[in-house]
Amino acid sequence: MIAEREESTTRAPSGAQLAQVGRVVATEPKPNTAYEFHFWTAPGSPVGIGTLVVVLAENVEVYGVVVEGWSYTDVASAMHDYIGLDGDPAMEAMTRRPEIRCYTAAVLRREPEEPVQPVPGGPVYLADDLCVRRALRMDAYADRTGVAVGAYQNGELLAPVYLDADFLLGPEAAHVTLTGVSGLATKTSTIEFLLQSIFAARDDVACVCFNVKGHDMLFLDFPAEAEPGSPLEERYRDLGITPLTEADRALYNVLGVPCQAFEKVEYYAPYREDGFNLNTLRTNPEVTGNVHPLAWGLQDIMEFAEVVLSRDDVDAKADALIQYINQKVIGAKDGYNIGDGKAAIYVRTFADLEEWFRRVFDYMEAGDNGRGMEQYRSHHYQTIRKVHNRLTNLITRYKGLLTPREERHDLPWGDFKPRTIYVVDIASMDQQGQDLVVTRVVSKLREHLERKALGVDRCIVVVDELNKYAPSDGPETNLKRTLLDISERGRYIGLVLFSAQQFRSQVHKRVVGNCGTSIYGRMDMDELATPGYQVLTRAEREKLATLSKGQLMVRHPHFSQAIFVKFPRPNVLRGSDGVRLFPPAEPVELEEAIFREFSRMDATLQRNQVREALKGADRDAALEAFNRVRLRGSSDPVSDFQKFIRKKAKLEEPEPVPRGFGAPPPASGDDPFAD
């Protein structure tokens, strides 16, 4: 079959099998060149802007895409026509004037490629499926590394258009940028369909999506329409959720992409300020089975101190102290000896760090025979005070994301699964919080991919509103530098950027320049008037401004000209429908949150068991125990929860082990929270 397909895609097109629609014409005012030719057609010919045509003449095949068109009659001026009709536009002319339609086509490919000569005169045919493959050079890669992006349509012809995965995901080139106006450009739908297509073609790719606004990407694991006979069918129908059309299904068949929702999606969101309710719109109990908390501790955040602290706060002295704490104090294997005669301190959490600062201040204030020390390990007292204030305030500033305790919740670094989407919901966070999350997640992805230790060979990072995070002007931020680094070096290690924005002209030119593939939905005329779009003809720009939903213009390294395609609506529940089908739940009290979470681990759990376990417990200890059981899992969650509460309250002492403040608890087979 492959041999037959290869033979069918390499044979030359025959004029006898193609529909002739015009003839090449070269005039003195408009001569043909090696890269552009003109042809005329009959008025009723199905040719328009974006139509693919082929010229067969003199043993040369020339493939082109129509980029401009015009028509005219034999009327020398409008006045002649006016006089001919006695000034009455409703009058029918005595004779029908001849009308000719002419088009300009940009050359996509020529066979043979040498010598490069002006396009000769000859018949012009509409491209069929074979011609589309040859015109876009897809015959070289479509069956090997092709990823469907949409279908070229001309009348009843629907020809699949493939991108080359080597130029989409690397290593030859990589990255995709999508541009279009909000609401009409289908940027999110395009990304969803492209991910479906990539997962259908590759089994070594995972994806991390940052949901930065509302509910856009919170229901990727639900289909656009319920399966017949499923429990959700009636609810879908009652809410009037629009199903896919037959045209959508036909496009899925043509493109060879399964018409289904994503099978594997995991969601991550920070806590609310209460520390146990998740700050996301996907909180309905029916859909929280794959929603996980995102909570980072001191060690996670210290290497990104420059992101969370402003440049005004961190001068050279403060930066030196932060580096000292990061390298010498935090996570010291044998603890840190302050020199105050007390046991070494183990600093792993923000609470430990606060204790470390307190002991350092006590030591300095009592030193030098009670007169106080100005410096500690070459760091001035005032600098230590300043860094103490900035670092300990992080817990307040990023409440919900940062935890003062040791238990942490993070993405499954080193255990990423192929064809899985990891959605990080940061829509409710402020700009600085979003910067921190994106910077750290991308940095960890790069670190693991460089070591070939992520679990997959390639990972796609989806960032919406890129003009906000990597603008063409404005200050240099860590997030901007991170995105620039991905765009410039990411393809070598398998880190691929898929970005969407309303204004491509406002994105940093190094990011845009490094994107191998550019996709455009409906565009705003103001944006099209910027210099970056002057390579397009006026007709192409006007078509871009009037594209319907589901229509795109694609530029790819194998395509020497931009191509217009259609793609089906993704079989994914839209975010607006998702929140109607699964309304977000109101924040619950701690007891209810514990009952819901523990019920997933133990289906026999009774509500009064949780109530009894919480009776008389300190709230902070209960919250810490809850998070630890949630993080580690348990077949008997209430029992493990109670054990930790008792140990925290010193009602059940663990085996005595000499250690300093903040040291890890002793390893024991009986301790469900042993490290």
Foldseek 3Di string as FASTA:
>chain_A
DVVVVLVLLPDDDDPVVFAFFWKWDADPVRGFWLFKTKIKGAPPGLADQQFWKWFDDPNKIWIWGWFDKDKDFPDPDVVVVCVQQVNDPVDDGPDDTDMMMMTMTTTQDMPPRPPRTTDDIGIMTGDAQSNVCVSLVVSVACVPQWFWQFFFDGPPGTHTDTFGCCQDQHDVAHFEEEAAAPPWQCQLQSVQVSLLRCLVRDFQEEEEEEAAAAQFPVFQQAFQADDPPDPCRVVCVVVVRDHFDVVQVVRCVNNVGDQHGQNAEAEEAFADLVQQHGDHFPAFLVRCPRYYYAEDFDLLCLVVVPLQDDPVLDDPLLVVVSVCCNPPAAPDPLAQDQPPPDFGFHDHGLVSVLVVLVVNQVPQCPPPVNNGHQDRPNRGPVSSVSNNVSVNCVCVLPRRHYDRDNDGDHDPALADGTSYYYYYYPNPPDPSVVLSVQLSVLVSVVVCLVVVRRNGQAYEYEEEAQLVQAFQDDDDHSSNVSLLCCLVPVNVSRYHYYYYHHAPNGGHVSNVVSHQKYKYGAHDVVSCPDPVNPVRDPSVNVCSNVHGRQKMWMDHVSGPDIHIRGHRRRRTHGSVVVCVSRPRDDDDDPLVSLCSLVCVLEVPDDSVLSVVLPVPFDPVQLSVLSSLCSRPPDNPSSVLSSVSRCCVVVVDPDDDDDDHHPDADDDDPPRPNHD
